[in-house]
Amino acid sequence: MSERVSSRIAEAVAGLPLKPHLRVLEIGCGPGVAARLASRQLTRGMILAIDRSQKAIDQACAGSTEELATGRLDFRCVAAEDFTLAPDEQKFDLAFAMRVGALDGRHPELERQALGRIKAALSPEGILIIDGAAPIAAADLPDFS
């Protein structure tokens, strides 16, 4: 089943440094379009897509039946500033966000908290890509305090 994907999302996902084995975290996944596209390139890896809206997560799950069945895609309802790894969950190699309010500079304290949580979820070699900005190495992200 093919879905219509906006050129903005298609280009953003095409620009990600995805490799088949990576563990990827999408922040602010909305209805899951980018997560689905990315999951199709992760033949040995996986993507966890998070959003603060339960409605968005419900839409993402409903539209991702095939991808969820592969085990390479999962969704979780949680805000970026509240995200933590599950006790036995491995860290992520790559995190990305497109049009996420907590990361667009309008809410500095929220952004600081979100960046700290993202850093904690990334491997030491991990990177964060926020649309419209240069990639940020995990080591350069602020610590959560």
C-alpha atoms as a PDB file:
ATOM      1  CA  MET A   1       0.000   0.000   0.000  1.00  0.00           C
ATOM      2  CA  SER A   2       1.513   3.319  -0.991  1.00  0.00           C
ATOM      3  CA  GLU A   3       0.786   6.512   0.857  1.00  0.00           C
ATOM      4  CA  ARG A   4       1.098  10.095  -0.216  1.00  0.00           C
ATOM      5  CA  VAL A   5       4.142  11.646   1.366  1.00  0.00           C
ATOM      6  CA  SER A   6       4.814  15.370   1.243  1.00  0.00           C
ATOM      7  CA  SER A   7       7.994  16.371  -0.539  1.00  0.00           C
ATOM      8  CA  ARG A   8       9.165  18.067   2.687  1.00  0.00           C
ATOM      9  CA  ILE A   9       9.000  14.807   4.659  1.00  0.00           C
ATOM     10  CA  ALA A  10      10.364  12.682   1.806  1.00  0.00           C
ATOM     11  CA  GLU A  11      13.345  15.024   1.382  1.00  0.00           C
ATOM     12  CA  ALA A  12      13.990  15.194   5.135  1.00  0.00           C
ATOM     13  CA  VAL A  13      14.030  11.399   5.488  1.00  0.00           C
ATOM     14  CA  ALA A  14      16.147  11.021   2.337  1.00  0.00           C
ATOM     15  CA  GLY A  15      18.659  13.414   3.905  1.00  0.00           C
ATOM     16  CA  LEU A  16      19.051  11.375   7.090  1.00  0.00           C
ATOM     17  CA  PRO A  17      22.224   9.272   7.393  1.00  0.00           C
ATOM     18  CA  LEU A  18      20.219   6.051   7.736  1.00  0.00           C
ATOM     19  CA  LYS A  19      21.994   2.699   7.657  1.00  0.00           C
ATOM     20  CA  PRO A  20      20.254  -0.688   7.888  1.00  0.00           C
ATOM     21  CA  HIS A  21      21.519  -1.477  11.421  1.00  0.00           C
ATOM     22  CA  LEU A  22      20.845   1.838  13.187  1.00  0.00           C
ATOM     23  CA  ARG A  23      18.637   2.465  16.184  1.00  0.00           C
ATOM     24  CA  VAL A  24      16.737   5.675  15.443  1.00  0.00           C
ATOM     25  CA  LEU A  25      14.581   7.937  17.622  1.00  0.00           C
ATOM     26  CA  GLU A  26      12.105  10.307  16.012  1.00  0.00           C
ATOM     27  CA  ILE A  27      10.933  13.132  18.262  1.00  0.00           C
ATOM     28  CA  GLY A  28       7.476  14.523  17.483  1.00  0.00           C
ATOM     29  CA  CYS A  29       6.371  11.893  14.982  1.00  0.00           C
ATOM     30  CA  GLY A  30       2.799  13.115  14.478  1.00  0.00           C
ATOM     31  CA  PRO A  31       0.901  10.568  12.340  1.00  0.00           C
ATOM     32  CA  GLY A  32       4.094   8.565  11.698  1.00  0.00           C
ATOM     33  CA  VAL A  33       4.817   9.272   8.039  1.00  0.00           C
ATOM     34  CA  ALA A  34       8.561   9.890   8.474  1.00  0.00           C
ATOM     35  CA  ALA A  35       8.909   6.981  10.896  1.00  0.00           C
ATOM     36  CA  ARG A  36       7.329   4.602   8.383  1.00  0.00           C
ATOM     37  CA  LEU A  37       9.643   5.807   5.609  1.00  0.00           C
ATOM     38  CA  ALA A  38      12.702   5.457   7.826  1.00  0.00           C
ATOM     39  CA  SER A  39      11.704   2.026   9.128  1.00  0.00           C
ATOM     40  CA  ARG A  40      11.742   0.637   5.592  1.00  0.00           C
ATOM     41  CA  GLN A  41      15.483   1.356   5.407  1.00  0.00           C
ATOM     42  CA  LEU A  42      16.301  -0.250   8.760  1.00  0.00           C
ATOM     43  CA  THR A  43      16.503  -3.930   7.858  1.00  0.00           C
ATOM     44  CA  ARG A  44      18.454  -4.841  11.026  1.00  0.00           C
ATOM     45  CA  GLY A  45      17.826  -1.714  13.111  1.00  0.00           C
ATOM     46  CA  MET A  46      14.672  -0.077  14.389  1.00  0.00           C
ATOM     47  CA  ILE A  47      12.981   3.249  14.930  1.00  0.00           C
ATOM     48  CA  LEU A  48      11.113   4.417  17.998  1.00  0.00           C
ATOM     49  CA  ALA A  49       8.872   7.377  17.210  1.00  0.00           C
ATOM     50  CA  ILE A  50       7.537   9.492  20.064  1.00  0.00           C
ATOM     51  CA  ASP A  51       4.925  12.216  20.286  1.00  0.00           C
ATOM     52  CA  ARG A  52       3.284  14.029  23.201  1.00  0.00           C
ATOM     53  CA  SER A  53      -0.171  13.594  21.617  1.00  0.00           C
ATOM     54  CA  GLN A  54      -2.016  10.319  22.190  1.00  0.00           C
ATOM     55  CA  LYS A  55      -4.191  11.147  19.173  1.00  0.00           C
ATOM     56  CA  ALA A  56      -1.079  11.382  16.967  1.00  0.00           C
ATOM     57  CA  ILE A  57       0.264   8.086  18.330  1.00  0.00           C
ATOM     58  CA  ASP A  58      -3.104   6.406  17.700  1.00  0.00           C
ATOM     59  CA  GLN A  59      -3.061   7.686  14.090  1.00  0.00           C
ATOM     60  CA  ALA A  60       0.554   6.583  13.651  1.00  0.00           C
ATOM     61  CA  CYS A  61      -0.190   3.078  14.918  1.00  0.00           C
ATOM     62  CA  ALA A  62      -3.320   2.768  12.777  1.00  0.00           C
ATOM     63  CA  GLY A  63      -1.372   3.743   9.656  1.00  0.00           C
ATOM     64  CA  SER A  64       1.644   1.550  10.399  1.00  0.00           C
ATOM     65  CA  THR A  65       0.249  -1.977  10.755  1.00  0.00           C
ATOM     66  CA  GLU A  66       2.694  -3.550   8.288  1.00  0.00           C
ATOM     67  CA  GLU A  67       5.738  -1.722   9.650  1.00  0.00           C
ATOM     68  CA  LEU A  68       4.838  -2.460  13.275  1.00  0.00           C
ATOM     69  CA  ALA A  69       4.547  -6.166  12.394  1.00  0.00           C
ATOM     70  CA  THR A  70       8.200  -6.198  11.271  1.00  0.00           C
ATOM     71  CA  GLY A  71       9.398  -5.221  14.745  1.00  0.00           C
ATOM     72  CA  ARG A  72      11.461  -2.403  13.233  1.00  0.00           C
ATOM     73  CA  LEU A  73       9.028   0.355  14.231  1.00  0.00           C
ATOM     74  CA  ASP A  74       7.465   1.243  17.546  1.00  0.00           C
ATOM     75  CA  PHE A  75       5.565   4.253  18.859  1.00  0.00           C
ATOM     76  CA  ARG A  76       5.378   5.732  22.350  1.00  0.00           C
ATOM     77  CA  CYS A  77       3.276   8.578  23.705  1.00  0.00           C
ATOM     78  CA  VAL A  78       5.681  10.789  25.618  1.00  0.00           C
ATOM     79  CA  ALA A  79       6.900  14.388  25.400  1.00  0.00           C
ATOM     80  CA  ALA A  80      10.552  14.899  24.439  1.00  0.00           C
ATOM     81  CA  GLU A  81      11.278  16.604  27.761  1.00  0.00           C
ATOM     82  CA  ASP A  82       9.919  13.560  29.636  1.00  0.00           C
ATOM     83  CA  PHE A  83      11.437  10.801  27.478  1.00  0.00           C
ATOM     84  CA  THR A  84      13.615   8.196  29.169  1.00  0.00           C
ATOM     85  CA  LEU A  85      14.891   4.841  28.006  1.00  0.00           C
ATOM     86  CA  ALA A  86      13.185   1.773  29.396  1.00  0.00           C
ATOM     87  CA  PRO A  87      15.448  -0.104  31.869  1.00  0.00           C
ATOM     88  CA  ASP A  88      16.734  -2.631  29.289  1.00  0.00           C
ATOM     89  CA  GLU A  89      16.459  -0.393  26.220  1.00  0.00           C
ATOM     90  CA  GLN A  90      19.604   0.243  24.169  1.00  0.00           C
ATOM     91  CA  LYS A  91      20.678   3.771  23.337  1.00  0.00           C
ATOM     92  CA  PHE A  92      19.993   5.275  19.922  1.00  0.00           C
ATOM     93  CA  ASP A  93      22.491   6.012  17.144  1.00  0.00           C
ATOM     94  CA  LEU A  94      20.466   8.812  15.583  1.00  0.00           C
ATOM     95  CA  ALA A  95      17.644  11.089  16.703  1.00  0.00           C
ATOM     96  CA  PHE A  96      15.739  13.447  14.448  1.00  0.00           C
ATOM     97  CA  ALA A  97      12.954  15.990  14.765  1.00  0.00           C
ATOM     98  CA  MET A  98      10.939  17.955  12.227  1.00  0.00           C
ATOM     99  CA  ARG A  99       8.871  20.958  13.274  1.00  0.00           C
ATOM    100  CA  VAL A 100       8.904  20.166  16.984  1.00  0.00           C
ATOM    101  CA  GLY A 101       7.814  23.032  19.224  1.00  0.00           C
ATOM    102  CA  ALA A 102      10.001  21.951  22.141  1.00  0.00           C
ATOM    103  CA  LEU A 103      13.077  22.254  19.894  1.00  0.00           C
ATOM    104  CA  ASP A 104      12.351  25.387  17.870  1.00  0.00           C
ATOM    105  CA  GLY A 105      13.759  27.964  20.284  1.00  0.00           C
ATOM    106  CA  ARG A 106      10.453  29.426  21.473  1.00  0.00           C
ATOM    107  CA  HIS A 107      10.538  27.633  24.838  1.00  0.00           C
ATOM    108  CA  PRO A 108      14.155  27.702  26.129  1.00  0.00           C
ATOM    109  CA  GLU A 109      13.586  25.807  29.377  1.00  0.00           C
ATOM    110  CA  LEU A 110      11.544  23.103  27.659  1.00  0.00           C
ATOM    111  CA  GLU A 111      14.185  22.882  24.940  1.00  0.00           C
ATOM    112  CA  ARG A 112      16.983  22.514  27.503  1.00  0.00           C
ATOM    113  CA  GLN A 113      15.111  19.670  29.197  1.00  0.00           C
ATOM    114  CA  ALA A 114      14.294  17.960  25.884  1.00  0.00           C
ATOM    115  CA  LEU A 115      17.887  18.188  24.661  1.00  0.00           C
ATOM    116  CA  GLY A 116      19.129  16.720  27.935  1.00  0.00           C
ATOM    117  CA  ARG A 117      16.720  13.806  27.636  1.00  0.00           C
ATOM    118  CA  ILE A 118      17.708  13.237  24.005  1.00  0.00           C
ATOM    119  CA  LYS A 119      21.399  13.265  24.962  1.00  0.00           C
ATOM    120  CA  ALA A 120      20.743  10.641  27.636  1.00  0.00           C
ATOM    121  CA  ALA A 121      19.028   8.438  25.040  1.00  0.00           C
ATOM    122  CA  LEU A 122      21.809   8.698  22.429  1.00  0.00           C
ATOM    123  CA  SER A 123      24.938   6.575  22.286  1.00  0.00           C
ATOM    124  CA  PRO A 124      28.185   8.539  22.808  1.00  0.00           C
ATOM    125  CA  GLU A 125      28.688   8.553  19.013  1.00  0.00           C
ATOM    126  CA  GLY A 126      25.050   9.429  18.329  1.00  0.00           C
ATOM    127  CA  ILE A 127      23.793  12.510  16.537  1.00  0.00           C
ATOM    128  CA  LEU A 128      20.683  14.663  16.639  1.00  0.00           C
ATOM    129  CA  ILE A 129      19.265  16.214  13.493  1.00  0.00           C
ATOM    130  CA  ILE A 130      16.703  18.995  13.871  1.00  0.00           C
ATOM    131  CA  ASP A 131      15.198  20.310  10.639  1.00  0.00           C
ATOM    132  CA  GLY A 132      16.880  23.455   9.444  1.00  0.00           C
ATOM    133  CA  ALA A 133      19.974  23.029  11.626  1.00  0.00           C
ATOM    134  CA  ALA A 134      23.339  21.327  11.344  1.00  0.00           C
ATOM    135  CA  PRO A 135      23.612  17.860  12.971  1.00  0.00           C
ATOM    136  CA  ILE A 136      24.594  17.965  16.647  1.00  0.00           C
ATOM    137  CA  ALA A 137      26.902  15.330  18.148  1.00  0.00           C
ATOM    138  CA  ALA A 138      25.577  13.740  21.338  1.00  0.00           C
ATOM    139  CA  ALA A 139      28.687  14.966  23.176  1.00  0.00           C
ATOM    140  CA  ASP A 140      27.749  18.566  22.300  1.00  0.00           C
ATOM    141  CA  LEU A 141      24.228  18.350  23.728  1.00  0.00           C
ATOM    142  CA  PRO A 142      23.611  19.776  27.227  1.00  0.00           C
ATOM    143  CA  ASP A 143      23.295  17.376  30.161  1.00  0.00           C
ATOM    144  CA  PHE A 144      19.901  17.071  31.821  1.00  0.00           C
ATOM    145  CA  SER A 145      19.958  18.305  35.380  1.00  0.00           C
END
